[in-house]
């Protein structure tokens, strides 16, 4: 158990849709970002997602569409 002086960081799973290569869209649960490296040592981010059947996939960020409207928690009206 964490004491009052410690910060506890736990993963936050987010519902999303992912675009598959065949053009279909699937429901998924986003787990986290992972860093990968290509043959030329260039790094890029991939999303680790879990499908409804429990299968875990690595997908490109452009294939993920979050559906929990998390950005609304940070949105503010202009002029406030």
PDB file of N, CA and C in Angstrom:
ATOM      1  N   UNK A   1       0.845  -1.185   0.000  1.00  0.00           N
ATOM      2  CA  UNK A   1       0.000   0.000   0.000  1.00  0.00           C
ATOM      3  C   UNK A   1       0.888   1.246   0.000  1.00  0.00           C
ATOM      4  N   UNK A   2       0.526   2.243  -0.770  1.00  0.00           N
ATOM      5  CA  UNK A   2       1.301   3.483  -0.870  1.00  0.00           C
ATOM      6  C   UNK A   2       1.034   4.369   0.340  1.00  0.00           C
ATOM      7  N   UNK A   3       2.083   5.023   0.802  1.00  0.00           N
ATOM      8  CA  UNK A   3       1.915   5.959   1.911  1.00  0.00           C
ATOM      9  C   UNK A   3       1.401   7.291   1.359  1.00  0.00           C
ATOM     10  N   UNK A   4       1.090   8.212   2.251  1.00  0.00           N
ATOM     11  CA  UNK A   4       0.568   9.511   1.827  1.00  0.00           C
ATOM     12  C   UNK A   4       1.605  10.332   1.064  1.00  0.00           C
ATOM     13  N   UNK A   5       2.877  10.029   1.233  1.00  0.00           N
ATOM     14  CA  UNK A   5       3.942  10.765   0.564  1.00  0.00           C
ATOM     15  C   UNK A   5       4.308  10.195  -0.797  1.00  0.00           C
ATOM     16  N   UNK A   6       3.692   9.110  -1.197  1.00  0.00           N
ATOM     17  CA  UNK A   6       3.993   8.475  -2.471  1.00  0.00           C
ATOM     18  C   UNK A   6       2.892   8.756  -3.480  1.00  0.00           C
ATOM     19  N   UNK A   7       3.292   8.781  -4.731  1.00  0.00           N
ATOM     20  CA  UNK A   7       2.325   8.932  -5.815  1.00  0.00           C
ATOM     21  C   UNK A   7       2.144   7.570  -6.457  1.00  0.00           C
ATOM     22  N   UNK A   8       0.921   7.138  -6.571  1.00  0.00           N
ATOM     23  CA  UNK A   8       0.614   5.854  -7.177  1.00  0.00           C
ATOM     24  C   UNK A   8       0.095   6.099  -8.591  1.00  0.00           C
ATOM     25  N   UNK A   9       0.788   5.554  -9.569  1.00  0.00           N
ATOM     26  CA  UNK A   9       0.359   5.692 -10.957  1.00  0.00           C
ATOM     27  C   UNK A   9      -0.105   4.334 -11.433  1.00  0.00           C
ATOM     28  N   UNK A  10      -1.343   4.260 -11.883  1.00  0.00           N
ATOM     29  CA  UNK A  10      -1.849   3.000 -12.393  1.00  0.00           C
ATOM     30  C   UNK A  10      -2.349   3.207 -13.819  1.00  0.00           C
ATOM     31  N   UNK A  11      -2.320   2.175 -14.621  1.00  0.00           N
ATOM     32  CA  UNK A  11      -2.751   2.326 -16.011  1.00  0.00           C
ATOM     33  C   UNK A  11      -4.240   2.633 -16.093  1.00  0.00           C
ATOM     34  N   UNK A  12      -4.580   3.415 -17.083  1.00  0.00           N
ATOM     35  CA  UNK A  12      -5.977   3.758 -17.316  1.00  0.00           C
ATOM     36  C   UNK A  12      -6.373   3.178 -18.662  1.00  0.00           C
ATOM     37  N   UNK A  13      -7.215   2.190 -18.645  1.00  0.00           N
ATOM     38  CA  UNK A  13      -7.673   1.576 -19.883  1.00  0.00           C
ATOM     39  C   UNK A  13      -8.741   2.456 -20.513  1.00  0.00           C
ATOM     40  N   UNK A  14      -8.670   2.608 -21.831  1.00  0.00           N
ATOM     41  CA  UNK A  14      -9.623   3.488 -22.522  1.00  0.00           C
ATOM     42  C   UNK A  14     -10.308   2.731 -23.646  1.00  0.00           C
ATOM     43  N   UNK A  15     -11.636   2.856 -23.746  1.00  0.00           N
ATOM     44  CA  UNK A  15     -12.343   2.221 -24.856  1.00  0.00           C
ATOM     45  C   UNK A  15     -12.003   2.927 -26.165  1.00  0.00           C
ATOM     46  N   UNK A  16     -11.898   2.143 -27.216  1.00  0.00           N
ATOM     47  CA  UNK A  16     -11.564   2.715 -28.520  1.00  0.00           C
ATOM     48  C   UNK A  16     -12.070   1.812 -29.632  1.00  0.00           C
ATOM     49  N   UNK A  17     -12.001   2.316 -30.836  1.00  0.00           N
ATOM     50  CA  UNK A  17     -12.198   1.518 -32.037  1.00  0.00           C
ATOM     51  C   UNK A  17     -10.861   1.479 -32.751  1.00  0.00           C
ATOM     52  N   UNK A  18     -10.542   0.358 -33.362  1.00  0.00           N
ATOM     53  CA  UNK A  18      -9.333   0.281 -34.170  1.00  0.00           C
ATOM     54  C   UNK A  18      -9.718  -0.083 -35.596  1.00  0.00           C
ATOM     55  N   UNK A  19      -9.013   0.496 -36.548  1.00  0.00           N
ATOM     56  CA  UNK A  19      -9.213   0.201 -37.957  1.00  0.00           C
ATOM     57  C   UNK A  19      -8.308  -0.961 -38.335  1.00  0.00           C
ATOM     58  N   UNK A  20      -8.906  -2.028 -38.837  1.00  0.00           N
ATOM     59  CA  UNK A  20      -8.132  -3.180 -39.276  1.00  0.00           C
ATOM     60  C   UNK A  20      -7.723  -3.013 -40.734  1.00  0.00           C
ATOM     61  N   UNK A  21      -6.760  -3.805 -41.172  1.00  0.00           N
ATOM     62  CA  UNK A  21      -6.245  -3.704 -42.539  1.00  0.00           C
ATOM     63  C   UNK A  21      -7.308  -4.003 -43.590  1.00  0.00           C
ATOM     64  N   UNK A  22      -8.306  -4.817 -43.240  1.00  0.00           N
ATOM     65  CA  UNK A  22      -9.351  -5.165 -44.202  1.00  0.00           C
ATOM     66  C   UNK A  22     -10.460  -4.117 -44.276  1.00  0.00           C
ATOM     67  N   UNK A  23     -10.281  -2.980 -43.578  1.00  0.00           N
ATOM     68  CA  UNK A  23     -11.255  -1.896 -43.628  1.00  0.00           C
ATOM     69  C   UNK A  23     -12.323  -1.955 -42.551  1.00  0.00           C
ATOM     70  N   UNK A  24     -12.364  -3.046 -41.799  1.00  0.00           N
ATOM     71  CA  UNK A  24     -13.352  -3.155 -40.721  1.00  0.00           C
ATOM     72  C   UNK A  24     -12.878  -2.398 -39.489  1.00  0.00           C
ATOM     73  N   UNK A  25     -13.843  -2.060 -38.640  1.00  0.00           N
ATOM     74  CA  UNK A  25     -13.554  -1.379 -37.381  1.00  0.00           C
ATOM     75  C   UNK A  25     -13.933  -2.325 -36.250  1.00  0.00           C
ATOM     76  N   UNK A  26     -13.083  -2.443 -35.234  1.00  0.00           N
ATOM     77  CA  UNK A  26     -13.342  -3.353 -34.110  1.00  0.00           C
ATOM     78  C   UNK A  26     -13.280  -2.596 -32.796  1.00  0.00           C
ATOM     79  N   UNK A  27     -14.137  -2.997 -31.858  1.00  0.00           N
ATOM     80  CA  UNK A  27     -14.079  -2.461 -30.500  1.00  0.00           C
ATOM     81  C   UNK A  27     -12.830  -2.990 -29.825  1.00  0.00           C
ATOM     82  N   UNK A  28     -12.194  -2.148 -29.025  1.00  0.00           N
ATOM     83  CA  UNK A  28     -10.990  -2.567 -28.317  1.00  0.00           C
ATOM     84  C   UNK A  28     -10.847  -1.767 -27.029  1.00  0.00           C
ATOM     85  N   UNK A  29      -9.926  -2.206 -26.215  1.00  0.00           N
ATOM     86  CA  UNK A  29      -9.592  -1.519 -24.982  1.00  0.00           C
ATOM     87  C   UNK A  29      -8.113  -1.163 -25.060  1.00  0.00           C
ATOM     88  N   UNK A  30      -7.828   0.136 -25.065  1.00  0.00           N
ATOM     89  CA  UNK A  30      -6.455   0.607 -25.147  1.00  0.00           C
ATOM     90  C   UNK A  30      -5.770   0.411 -23.802  1.00  0.00           C
ATOM     91  N   UNK A  31      -4.557  -0.177 -23.829  1.00  0.00           N
ATOM     92  CA  UNK A  31      -3.805  -0.399 -22.598  1.00  0.00           C
ATOM     93  C   UNK A  31      -2.696   0.627 -22.410  1.00  0.00           C
ATOM     94  N   UNK A  32      -1.816   0.771 -23.415  1.00  0.00           N
ATOM     95  CA  UNK A  32      -0.725   1.729 -23.261  1.00  0.00           C
ATOM     96  C   UNK A  32      -0.004   1.925 -24.588  1.00  0.00           C
ATOM     97  N   UNK A  33       0.877   2.924 -24.611  1.00  0.00           N
ATOM     98  CA  UNK A  33       1.763   3.162 -25.741  1.00  0.00           C
ATOM     99  C   UNK A  33       3.054   2.404 -25.509  1.00  0.00           C
ATOM    100  N   UNK A  34       3.600   1.836 -26.558  1.00  0.00           N
ATOM    101  CA  UNK A  34       4.905   1.176 -26.481  1.00  0.00           C
ATOM    102  C   UNK A  34       5.786   1.738 -27.590  1.00  0.00           C
ATOM    103  N   UNK A  35       7.075   1.805 -27.314  1.00  0.00           N
ATOM    104  CA  UNK A  35       8.026   2.316 -28.304  1.00  0.00           C
ATOM    105  C   UNK A  35       8.665   1.147 -29.046  1.00  0.00           C
ATOM    106  N   UNK A  36       8.733   1.274 -30.357  1.00  0.00           N
ATOM    107  CA  UNK A  36       9.357   0.276 -31.225  1.00  0.00           C
ATOM    108  C   UNK A  36      10.490   0.954 -31.978  1.00  0.00           C
ATOM    109  N   UNK A  37      11.318   0.152 -32.622  1.00  0.00           N
ATOM    110  CA  UNK A  37      12.451   0.680 -33.373  1.00  0.00           C
ATOM    111  C   UNK A  37      12.548  -0.060 -34.700  1.00  0.00           C
ATOM    112  N   UNK A  38      12.719   0.684 -35.794  1.00  0.00           N
ATOM    113  CA  UNK A  38      12.846   0.044 -37.103  1.00  0.00           C
ATOM    114  C   UNK A  38      14.298  -0.344 -37.377  1.00  0.00           C
ATOM    115  N   UNK A  39      14.567  -0.865 -38.551  1.00  0.00           N
ATOM    116  CA  UNK A  39      15.916  -1.325 -38.902  1.00  0.00           C
ATOM    117  C   UNK A  39      16.953  -0.208 -38.894  1.00  0.00           C
ATOM    118  N   UNK A  40      16.499   1.027 -39.085  1.00  0.00           N
ATOM    119  CA  UNK A  40      17.404   2.178 -39.114  1.00  0.00           C
ATOM    120  C   UNK A  40      17.501   2.879 -37.760  1.00  0.00           C
ATOM    121  N   UNK A  41      17.023   2.200 -36.704  1.00  0.00           N
ATOM    122  CA  UNK A  41      17.059   2.704 -35.321  1.00  0.00           C
ATOM    123  C   UNK A  41      16.150   3.910 -35.093  1.00  0.00           C
ATOM    124  N   UNK A  42      15.197   4.131 -35.994  1.00  0.00           N
ATOM    125  CA  UNK A  42      14.222   5.204 -35.806  1.00  0.00           C
ATOM    126  C   UNK A  42      13.096   4.670 -34.911  1.00  0.00           C
ATOM    127  N   UNK A  43      12.761   5.442 -33.872  1.00  0.00           N
ATOM    128  CA  UNK A  43      11.723   5.006 -32.945  1.00  0.00           C
ATOM    129  C   UNK A  43      10.353   5.523 -33.365  1.00  0.00           C
ATOM    130  N   UNK A  44       9.331   4.733 -33.037  1.00  0.00           N
ATOM    131  CA  UNK A  44       7.953   5.121 -33.298  1.00  0.00           C
ATOM    132  C   UNK A  44       7.054   4.476 -32.246  1.00  0.00           C
ATOM    133  N   UNK A  45       5.892   5.067 -32.033  1.00  0.00           N
ATOM    134  CA  UNK A  45       4.969   4.583 -31.004  1.00  0.00           C
ATOM    135  C   UNK A  45       3.908   3.668 -31.617  1.00  0.00           C
ATOM    136  N   UNK A  46       3.574   2.640 -30.866  1.00  0.00           N
ATOM    137  CA  UNK A  46       2.488   1.728 -31.221  1.00  0.00           C
ATOM    138  C   UNK A  46       1.556   1.645 -30.018  1.00  0.00           C
ATOM    139  N   UNK A  47       0.287   1.417 -30.289  1.00  0.00           N
ATOM    140  CA  UNK A  47      -0.674   1.232 -29.217  1.00  0.00           C
ATOM    141  C   UNK A  47      -0.874  -0.245 -28.926  1.00  0.00           C
ATOM    142  N   UNK A  48      -0.949  -0.593 -27.662  1.00  0.00           N
ATOM    143  CA  UNK A  48      -1.237  -1.955 -27.250  1.00  0.00           C
ATOM    144  C   UNK A  48      -2.720  -2.000 -26.890  1.00  0.00           C
ATOM    145  N   UNK A  49      -3.496  -2.755 -27.662  1.00  0.00           N
ATOM    146  CA  UNK A  49      -4.943  -2.809 -27.458  1.00  0.00           C
ATOM    147  C   UNK A  49      -5.404  -4.256 -27.281  1.00  0.00           C
ATOM    148  N   UNK A  50      -6.524  -4.391 -26.583  1.00  0.00           N
ATOM    149  CA  UNK A  50      -7.121  -5.705 -26.338  1.00  0.00           C
ATOM    150  C   UNK A  50      -8.488  -5.754 -27.004  1.00  0.00           C
ATOM    151  N   UNK A  51      -8.709  -6.773 -27.834  1.00  0.00           N
ATOM    152  CA  UNK A  51     -10.000  -6.949 -28.491  1.00  0.00           C
ATOM    153  C   UNK A  51     -10.994  -7.602 -27.542  1.00  0.00           C
ATOM    154  N   UNK A  52     -12.253  -7.606 -27.933  1.00  0.00           N
ATOM    155  CA  UNK A  52     -13.306  -8.189 -27.086  1.00  0.00           C
ATOM    156  C   UNK A  52     -13.074  -9.672 -26.804  1.00  0.00           C
ATOM    157  N   UNK A  53     -12.407 -10.375 -27.721  1.00  0.00           N
ATOM    158  CA  UNK A  53     -12.165 -11.801 -27.528  1.00  0.00           C
ATOM    159  C   UNK A  53     -10.912 -12.069 -26.686  1.00  0.00           C
ATOM    160  N   UNK A  54     -10.257 -11.009 -26.195  1.00  0.00           N
ATOM    161  CA  UNK A  54      -9.080 -11.149 -25.349  1.00  0.00           C
ATOM    162  C   UNK A  54      -7.760 -11.097 -26.089  1.00  0.00           C
ATOM    163  N   UNK A  55      -7.800 -11.102 -27.415  1.00  0.00           N
ATOM    164  CA  UNK A  55      -6.566 -11.043 -28.196  1.00  0.00           C
ATOM    165  C   UNK A  55      -5.944  -9.659 -28.068  1.00  0.00           C
ATOM    166  N   UNK A  56      -4.626  -9.610 -27.919  1.00  0.00           N
ATOM    167  CA  UNK A  56      -3.896  -8.356 -27.765  1.00  0.00           C
ATOM    168  C   UNK A  56      -3.147  -8.062 -29.061  1.00  0.00           C
ATOM    169  N   UNK A  57      -3.248  -6.814 -29.540  1.00  0.00           N
ATOM    170  CA  UNK A  57      -2.609  -6.401 -30.780  1.00  0.00           C
ATOM    171  C   UNK A  57      -1.769  -5.159 -30.568  1.00  0.00           C
ATOM    172  N   UNK A  58      -0.733  -5.019 -31.377  1.00  0.00           N
ATOM    173  CA  UNK A  58       0.002  -3.767 -31.492  1.00  0.00           C
ATOM    174  C   UNK A  58      -0.524  -3.077 -32.739  1.00  0.00           C
ATOM    175  N   UNK A  59      -0.962  -1.829 -32.604  1.00  0.00           N
ATOM    176  CA  UNK A  59      -1.505  -1.104 -33.752  1.00  0.00           C
ATOM    177  C   UNK A  59      -0.874   0.283 -33.827  1.00  0.00           C
ATOM    178  N   UNK A  60      -0.809   0.816 -35.041  1.00  0.00           N
ATOM    179  CA  UNK A  60      -0.284   2.170 -35.227  1.00  0.00           C
ATOM    180  C   UNK A  60      -1.253   3.182 -34.627  1.00  0.00           C
ATOM    181  N   UNK A  61      -0.701   4.306 -34.186  1.00  0.00           N
ATOM    182  CA  UNK A  61      -1.535   5.338 -33.555  1.00  0.00           C
ATOM    183  C   UNK A  61      -2.654   5.807 -34.477  1.00  0.00           C
ATOM    184  N   UNK A  62      -2.411   5.800 -35.769  1.00  0.00           N
ATOM    185  CA  UNK A  62      -3.422   6.266 -36.729  1.00  0.00           C
ATOM    186  C   UNK A  62      -4.594   5.297 -36.869  1.00  0.00           C
ATOM    187  N   UNK A  63      -4.472   4.091 -36.334  1.00  0.00           N
ATOM    188  CA  UNK A  63      -5.547   3.102 -36.386  1.00  0.00           C
ATOM    189  C   UNK A  63      -6.474   3.195 -35.178  1.00  0.00           C
ATOM    190  N   UNK A  64      -6.140   4.029 -34.206  1.00  0.00           N
ATOM    191  CA  UNK A  64      -6.895   4.098 -32.947  1.00  0.00           C
ATOM    192  C   UNK A  64      -7.789   5.328 -32.921  1.00  0.00           C
ATOM    193  N   UNK A  65      -9.043   5.109 -32.526  1.00  0.00           N
ATOM    194  CA  UNK A  65      -9.972   6.217 -32.303  1.00  0.00           C
ATOM    195  C   UNK A  65     -10.599   6.013 -30.931  1.00  0.00           C
ATOM    196  N   UNK A  66     -10.213   6.874 -29.975  1.00  0.00           N
ATOM    197  CA  UNK A  66     -10.748   6.777 -28.616  1.00  0.00           C
ATOM    198  C   UNK A  66     -12.204   7.235 -28.604  1.00  0.00           C
ATOM    199  N   UNK A  67     -13.024   6.594 -27.787  1.00  0.00           N
ATOM    200  CA  UNK A  67     -14.457   6.910 -27.772  1.00  0.00           C
ATOM    201  C   UNK A  67     -14.966   7.351 -26.406  1.00  0.00           C
ATOM    202  N   UNK A  68     -14.068   7.609 -25.460  1.00  0.00           N
ATOM    203  CA  UNK A  68     -14.514   7.980 -24.117  1.00  0.00           C
ATOM    204  C   UNK A  68     -14.611   9.491 -23.904  1.00  0.00           C
ATOM    205  N   UNK A  69     -14.377  10.285 -24.946  1.00  0.00           N
ATOM    206  CA  UNK A  69     -14.481  11.750 -24.873  1.00  0.00           C
ATOM    207  C   UNK A  69     -13.669  12.338 -23.724  1.00  0.00           C
ATOM    208  N   UNK A  70     -12.506  11.777 -23.478  1.00  0.00           N
ATOM    209  CA  UNK A  70     -11.632  12.218 -22.387  1.00  0.00           C
ATOM    210  C   UNK A  70     -11.250  13.695 -22.526  1.00  0.00           C
ATOM    211  N   UNK A  71     -11.162  14.175 -23.747  1.00  0.00           N
ATOM    212  CA  UNK A  71     -10.745  15.563 -23.978  1.00  0.00           C
ATOM    213  C   UNK A  71     -11.728  16.561 -23.367  1.00  0.00           C
ATOM    214  N   UNK A  72     -12.983  16.164 -23.189  1.00  0.00           N
ATOM    215  CA  UNK A  72     -13.971  17.066 -22.592  1.00  0.00           C
ATOM    216  C   UNK A  72     -13.592  17.471 -21.171  1.00  0.00           C
ATOM    217  N   UNK A  73     -12.828  16.634 -20.482  1.00  0.00           N
ATOM    218  CA  UNK A  73     -12.390  16.971 -19.123  1.00  0.00           C
ATOM    219  C   UNK A  73     -11.405  18.148 -19.135  1.00  0.00           C
ATOM    220  N   UNK A  74     -10.782  18.408 -20.272  1.00  0.00           N
ATOM    221  CA  UNK A  74      -9.754  19.450 -20.374  1.00  0.00           C
ATOM    222  C   UNK A  74     -10.217  20.650 -21.183  1.00  0.00           C
ATOM    223  N   UNK A  75     -11.384  20.563 -21.756  1.00  0.00           N
ATOM    224  CA  UNK A  75     -11.896  21.624 -22.605  1.00  0.00           C
ATOM    225  C   UNK A  75     -12.430  22.770 -21.750  1.00  0.00           C
ATOM    226  N   UNK A  76     -12.160  23.988 -22.164  1.00  0.00           N
ATOM    227  CA  UNK A  76     -12.724  25.144 -21.483  1.00  0.00           C
ATOM    228  C   UNK A  76     -13.206  26.147 -22.528  1.00  0.00           C
ATOM    229  N   UNK A  77     -14.198  26.909 -22.146  1.00  0.00           N
ATOM    230  CA  UNK A  77     -14.764  27.940 -23.042  1.00  0.00           C
ATOM    231  C   UNK A  77     -13.784  29.074 -23.207  1.00  0.00           C
ATOM    232  N   UNK A  78     -13.697  29.621 -24.396  1.00  0.00           N
ATOM    233  CA  UNK A  78     -12.847  30.770 -24.671  1.00  0.00           C
ATOM    234  C   UNK A  78     -13.379  31.961 -23.883  1.00  0.00           C
ATOM    235  N   UNK A  79     -12.495  32.708 -23.223  1.00  0.00           N
ATOM    236  CA  UNK A  79     -12.897  33.897 -22.492  1.00  0.00           C
ATOM    237  C   UNK A  79     -13.151  33.651 -21.013  1.00  0.00           C
ATOM    238  N   UNK A  80     -13.123  32.426 -20.558  1.00  0.00           N
ATOM    239  CA  UNK A  80     -13.349  32.163 -19.134  1.00  0.00           C
ATOM    240  C   UNK A  80     -12.099  32.390 -18.332  1.00  0.00           C
TER     241      UNK A  80
END
